[in-house]
Amino acid sequence: MSSSEVARELGVTRQTVARWVRQGIVTPAAVTAGGQARFRLDEVKQQLREHTLRQREQ
């Protein structure tokens, strides 16, 4: 999925998804030859859950 598709599924903006990638919260499943990130929605959701748990432990 593209970042726009992920954003739509999660109810956030594309910029939010891009920020998560920059901050290392979410890692794309792949990056195209043109530099476009591609995601698997289930992986993104898992990465966000793990990030939330880490934040709560701090």
PDB file of N, CA and C in Angstrom:
ATOM      1  N   MET A   1       0.841  -1.179   0.000  1.00  0.00           N
ATOM      2  CA  MET A   1       0.000   0.000   0.000  1.00  0.00           C
ATOM      3  C   MET A   1       0.888   1.244   0.000  1.00  0.00           C
ATOM      4  N   SER A   2       0.383   2.296  -0.580  1.00  0.00           N
ATOM      5  CA  SER A   2       1.100   3.571  -0.547  1.00  0.00           C
ATOM      6  C   SER A   2       0.872   4.249   0.806  1.00  0.00           C
ATOM      7  N   SER A   3       1.636   5.279   1.070  1.00  0.00           N
ATOM      8  CA  SER A   3       1.452   6.017   2.321  1.00  0.00           C
ATOM      9  C   SER A   3       0.073   6.669   2.365  1.00  0.00           C
ATOM     10  N   SER A   4      -0.424   7.112   1.226  1.00  0.00           N
ATOM     11  CA  SER A   4      -1.770   7.701   1.184  1.00  0.00           C
ATOM     12  C   SER A   4      -2.840   6.674   1.536  1.00  0.00           C
ATOM     13  N   GLU A   5      -2.685   5.462   1.041  1.00  0.00           N
ATOM     14  CA  GLU A   5      -3.652   4.404   1.345  1.00  0.00           C
ATOM     15  C   GLU A   5      -3.602   4.025   2.830  1.00  0.00           C
ATOM     16  N   VAL A   6      -2.398   3.933   3.373  1.00  0.00           N
ATOM     17  CA  VAL A   6      -2.249   3.631   4.796  1.00  0.00           C
ATOM     18  C   VAL A   6      -2.885   4.738   5.624  1.00  0.00           C
ATOM     19  N   ALA A   7      -2.607   5.973   5.254  1.00  0.00           N
ATOM     20  CA  ALA A   7      -3.171   7.114   5.978  1.00  0.00           C
ATOM     21  C   ALA A   7      -4.690   7.057   5.978  1.00  0.00           C
ATOM     22  N   ARG A   8      -5.271   6.782   4.832  1.00  0.00           N
ATOM     23  CA  ARG A   8      -6.730   6.712   4.720  1.00  0.00           C
ATOM     24  C   ARG A   8      -7.284   5.597   5.618  1.00  0.00           C
ATOM     25  N   GLU A   9      -6.644   4.434   5.606  1.00  0.00           N
ATOM     26  CA  GLU A   9      -7.099   3.299   6.428  1.00  0.00           C
ATOM     27  C   GLU A   9      -7.017   3.598   7.921  1.00  0.00           C
ATOM     28  N   LEU A  10      -5.998   4.371   8.317  1.00  0.00           N
ATOM     29  CA  LEU A  10      -5.782   4.651   9.742  1.00  0.00           C
ATOM     30  C   LEU A  10      -6.430   5.956  10.203  1.00  0.00           C
ATOM     31  N   GLY A  11      -6.964   6.724   9.267  1.00  0.00           N
ATOM     32  CA  GLY A  11      -7.617   7.975   9.632  1.00  0.00           C
ATOM     33  C   GLY A  11      -6.652   9.075  10.021  1.00  0.00           C
ATOM     34  N   VAL A  12      -5.468   9.065   9.398  1.00  0.00           N
ATOM     35  CA  VAL A  12      -4.468  10.112   9.630  1.00  0.00           C
ATOM     36  C   VAL A  12      -4.094  10.711   8.282  1.00  0.00           C
ATOM     37  N   THR A  13      -3.241  11.724   8.305  1.00  0.00           N
ATOM     38  CA  THR A  13      -2.788  12.323   7.053  1.00  0.00           C
ATOM     39  C   THR A  13      -1.568  11.578   6.516  1.00  0.00           C
ATOM     40  N   ARG A  14      -1.313  11.786   5.238  1.00  0.00           N
ATOM     41  CA  ARG A  14      -0.116  11.204   4.614  1.00  0.00           C
ATOM     42  C   ARG A  14       1.140  11.759   5.280  1.00  0.00           C
ATOM     43  N   GLN A  15       1.073  13.020   5.701  1.00  0.00           N
ATOM     44  CA  GLN A  15       2.216  13.636   6.374  1.00  0.00           C
ATOM     45  C   GLN A  15       2.512  12.929   7.700  1.00  0.00           C
ATOM     46  N   THR A  16       1.474  12.472   8.384  1.00  0.00           N
ATOM     47  CA  THR A  16       1.677  11.743   9.634  1.00  0.00           C
ATOM     48  C   THR A  16       2.417  10.441   9.363  1.00  0.00           C
ATOM     49  N   VAL A  17       2.017   9.730   8.331  1.00  0.00           N
ATOM     50  CA  VAL A  17       2.704   8.482   7.976  1.00  0.00           C
ATOM     51  C   VAL A  17       4.169   8.780   7.636  1.00  0.00           C
ATOM     52  N   ALA A  18       4.410   9.830   6.879  1.00  0.00           N
ATOM     53  CA  ALA A  18       5.787  10.209   6.533  1.00  0.00           C
ATOM     54  C   ALA A  18       6.593  10.545   7.787  1.00  0.00           C
ATOM     55  N   ARG A  19       5.972  11.227   8.748  1.00  0.00           N
ATOM     56  CA  ARG A  19       6.662  11.553  10.002  1.00  0.00           C
ATOM     57  C   ARG A  19       7.009  10.285  10.769  1.00  0.00           C
ATOM     58  N   TRP A  20       6.075   9.333  10.829  1.00  0.00           N
ATOM     59  CA  TRP A  20       6.348   8.067  11.514  1.00  0.00           C
ATOM     60  C   TRP A  20       7.559   7.360  10.893  1.00  0.00           C
ATOM     61  N   VAL A  21       7.656   7.413   9.565  1.00  0.00           N
ATOM     62  CA  VAL A  21       8.796   6.788   8.887  1.00  0.00           C
ATOM     63  C   VAL A  21      10.083   7.526   9.256  1.00  0.00           C
ATOM     64  N   ARG A  22      10.067   8.861   9.182  1.00  0.00           N
ATOM     65  CA  ARG A  22      11.266   9.655   9.533  1.00  0.00           C
ATOM     66  C   ARG A  22      11.715   9.386  10.959  1.00  0.00           C
ATOM     67  N   GLN A  23      10.757   9.220  11.877  1.00  0.00           N
ATOM     68  CA  GLN A  23      11.067   9.009  13.283  1.00  0.00           C
ATOM     69  C   GLN A  23      11.406   7.548  13.597  1.00  0.00           C
ATOM     70  N   GLY A  24      11.285   6.682  12.618  1.00  0.00           N
ATOM     71  CA  GLY A  24      11.609   5.274  12.830  1.00  0.00           C
ATOM     72  C   GLY A  24      10.520   4.492  13.535  1.00  0.00           C
ATOM     73  N   ILE A  25       9.336   5.065  13.635  1.00  0.00           N
ATOM     74  CA  ILE A  25       8.216   4.388  14.291  1.00  0.00           C
ATOM     75  C   ILE A  25       7.667   3.298  13.386  1.00  0.00           C
ATOM     76  N   VAL A  26       7.626   3.591  12.086  1.00  0.00           N
ATOM     77  CA  VAL A  26       7.104   2.674  11.079  1.00  0.00           C
ATOM     78  C   VAL A  26       8.176   2.481  10.007  1.00  0.00           C
ATOM     79  N   THR A  27       8.344   1.232   9.579  1.00  0.00           N
ATOM     80  CA  THR A  27       9.296   0.913   8.528  1.00  0.00           C
ATOM     81  C   THR A  27       8.542   0.387   7.313  1.00  0.00           C
ATOM     82  N   PRO A  28       8.787   0.945   6.135  1.00  0.00           N
ATOM     83  CA  PRO A  28       8.115   0.439   4.937  1.00  0.00           C
ATOM     84  C   PRO A  28       8.503  -1.015   4.664  1.00  0.00           C
ATOM     85  N   ALA A  29       7.592  -1.762   4.077  1.00  0.00           N
ATOM     86  CA  ALA A  29       7.883  -3.138   3.677  1.00  0.00           C
ATOM     87  C   ALA A  29       8.834  -3.142   2.489  1.00  0.00           C
ATOM     88  N   ALA A  30       8.746  -2.097   1.660  1.00  0.00           N
ATOM     89  CA  ALA A  30       9.604  -1.983   0.479  1.00  0.00           C
ATOM     90  C   ALA A  30       9.657  -0.522   0.052  1.00  0.00           C
ATOM     91  N   VAL A  31      10.671  -0.219  -0.742  1.00  0.00           N
ATOM     92  CA  VAL A  31      10.792   1.098  -1.350  1.00  0.00           C
ATOM     93  C   VAL A  31      10.998   0.871  -2.838  1.00  0.00           C
ATOM     94  N   THR A  32      10.183   1.516  -3.655  1.00  0.00           N
ATOM     95  CA  THR A  32      10.271   1.337  -5.100  1.00  0.00           C
ATOM     96  C   THR A  32      11.555   1.954  -5.642  1.00  0.00           C
ATOM     97  N   ALA A  33      11.865   1.635  -6.892  1.00  0.00           N
ATOM     98  CA  ALA A  33      13.047   2.211  -7.551  1.00  0.00           C
ATOM     99  C   ALA A  33      12.955   3.731  -7.593  1.00  0.00           C
ATOM    100  N   GLY A  34      11.730   4.248  -7.620  1.00  0.00           N
ATOM    101  CA  GLY A  34      11.523   5.692  -7.635  1.00  0.00           C
ATOM    102  C   GLY A  34      11.531   6.321  -6.255  1.00  0.00           C
ATOM    103  N   GLY A  35      11.763   5.510  -5.212  1.00  0.00           N
ATOM    104  CA  GLY A  35      11.860   6.031  -3.856  1.00  0.00           C
ATOM    105  C   GLY A  35      10.543   6.099  -3.103  1.00  0.00           C
ATOM    106  N   GLN A  36       9.489   5.500  -3.641  1.00  0.00           N
ATOM    107  CA  GLN A  36       8.178   5.511  -2.986  1.00  0.00           C
ATOM    108  C   GLN A  36       8.082   4.352  -1.991  1.00  0.00           C
ATOM    109  N   ALA A  37       7.671   4.657  -0.775  1.00  0.00           N
ATOM    110  CA  ALA A  37       7.522   3.631   0.252  1.00  0.00           C
ATOM    111  C   ALA A  37       6.246   2.834   0.007  1.00  0.00           C
ATOM    112  N   ARG A  38       6.307   1.556   0.270  1.00  0.00           N
ATOM    113  CA  ARG A  38       5.146   0.668   0.204  1.00  0.00           C
ATOM    114  C   ARG A  38       5.036  -0.047   1.537  1.00  0.00           C
ATOM    115  N   PHE A  39       3.818  -0.188   2.008  1.00  0.00           N
ATOM    116  CA  PHE A  39       3.560  -0.715   3.336  1.00  0.00           C
ATOM    117  C   PHE A  39       2.611  -1.896   3.288  1.00  0.00           C
ATOM    118  N   ARG A  40       2.671  -2.716   4.327  1.00  0.00           N
ATOM    119  CA  ARG A  40       1.664  -3.734   4.588  1.00  0.00           C
ATOM    120  C   ARG A  40       0.895  -3.241   5.815  1.00  0.00           C
ATOM    121  N   LEU A  41      -0.397  -3.064   5.671  1.00  0.00           N
ATOM    122  CA  LEU A  41      -1.202  -2.459   6.725  1.00  0.00           C
ATOM    123  C   LEU A  41      -1.074  -3.214   8.047  1.00  0.00           C
ATOM    124  N   ASP A  42      -1.085  -4.535   8.012  1.00  0.00           N
ATOM    125  CA  ASP A  42      -0.971  -5.297   9.254  1.00  0.00           C
ATOM    126  C   ASP A  42       0.360  -5.036   9.947  1.00  0.00           C
ATOM    127  N   GLU A  43       1.435  -4.860   9.176  1.00  0.00           N
ATOM    128  CA  GLU A  43       2.749  -4.563   9.769  1.00  0.00           C
ATOM    129  C   GLU A  43       2.769  -3.161  10.374  1.00  0.00           C
ATOM    130  N   VAL A  44       2.165  -2.217   9.698  1.00  0.00           N
ATOM    131  CA  VAL A  44       2.111  -0.848  10.217  1.00  0.00           C
ATOM    132  C   VAL A  44       1.350  -0.834  11.540  1.00  0.00           C
ATOM    133  N   LYS A  45       0.214  -1.507  11.589  1.00  0.00           N
ATOM    134  CA  LYS A  45      -0.567  -1.555  12.827  1.00  0.00           C
ATOM    135  C   LYS A  45       0.236  -2.186  13.953  1.00  0.00           C
ATOM    136  N   GLN A  46       0.971  -3.257  13.661  1.00  0.00           N
ATOM    137  CA  GLN A  46       1.791  -3.911  14.681  1.00  0.00           C
ATOM    138  C   GLN A  46       2.904  -2.982  15.158  1.00  0.00           C
ATOM    139  N   GLN A  47       3.559  -2.295  14.237  1.00  0.00           N
ATOM    140  CA  GLN A  47       4.629  -1.368  14.609  1.00  0.00           C
ATOM    141  C   GLN A  47       4.098  -0.233  15.479  1.00  0.00           C
ATOM    142  N   LEU A  48       2.914   0.247  15.182  1.00  0.00           N
ATOM    143  CA  LEU A  48       2.315   1.310  15.993  1.00  0.00           C
ATOM    144  C   LEU A  48       1.955   0.791  17.383  1.00  0.00           C
ATOM    145  N   ARG A  49       1.433  -0.437  17.472  1.00  0.00           N
ATOM    146  CA  ARG A  49       1.133  -1.026  18.789  1.00  0.00           C
ATOM    147  C   ARG A  49       2.402  -1.155  19.624  1.00  0.00           C
ATOM    148  N   GLU A  50       3.472  -1.659  18.999  1.00  0.00           N
ATOM    149  CA  GLU A  50       4.739  -1.817  19.719  1.00  0.00           C
ATOM    150  C   GLU A  50       5.289  -0.472  20.172  1.00  0.00           C
ATOM    151  N   HIS A  51       5.176   0.526  19.335  1.00  0.00           N
ATOM    152  CA  HIS A  51       5.650   1.868  19.704  1.00  0.00           C
ATOM    153  C   HIS A  51       4.850   2.403  20.904  1.00  0.00           C
ATOM    154  N   THR A  52       3.549   2.218  20.870  1.00  0.00           N
ATOM    155  CA  THR A  52       2.700   2.676  21.978  1.00  0.00           C
ATOM    156  C   THR A  52       3.079   1.971  23.265  1.00  0.00           C
ATOM    157  N   LEU A  53       3.323   0.679  23.212  1.00  0.00           N
ATOM    158  CA  LEU A  53       3.724  -0.065  24.408  1.00  0.00           C
ATOM    159  C   LEU A  53       5.058   0.436  24.945  1.00  0.00           C
ATOM    160  N   ARG A  54       6.008   0.689  24.059  1.00  0.00           N
ATOM    161  CA  ARG A  54       7.312   1.222  24.504  1.00  0.00           C
ATOM    162  C   ARG A  54       7.154   2.575  25.170  1.00  0.00           C
ATOM    163  N   GLN A  55       6.285   3.416  24.639  1.00  0.00           N
ATOM    164  CA  GLN A  55       6.061   4.740  25.202  1.00  0.00           C
ATOM    165  C   GLN A  55       5.444   4.634  26.603  1.00  0.00           C
ATOM    166  N   ARG A  56       4.560   3.689  26.781  1.00  0.00           N
ATOM    167  CA  ARG A  56       3.921   3.513  28.086  1.00  0.00           C
ATOM    168  C   ARG A  56       4.893   3.012  29.145  1.00  0.00           C
ATOM    169  N   GLU A  57       5.912   2.270  28.718  1.00  0.00           N
ATOM    170  CA  GLU A  57       6.893   1.718  29.659  1.00  0.00           C
ATOM    171  C   GLU A  57       7.862   2.790  30.147  1.00  0.00           C
ATOM    172  N   GLN A  58       7.963   3.887  29.440  1.00  0.00           N
ATOM    173  CA  GLN A  58       8.948   4.914  29.804  1.00  0.00           C
ATOM    174  C   GLN A  58       8.457   5.783  30.937  1.00  0.00           C
TER     175      GLN A  58
END
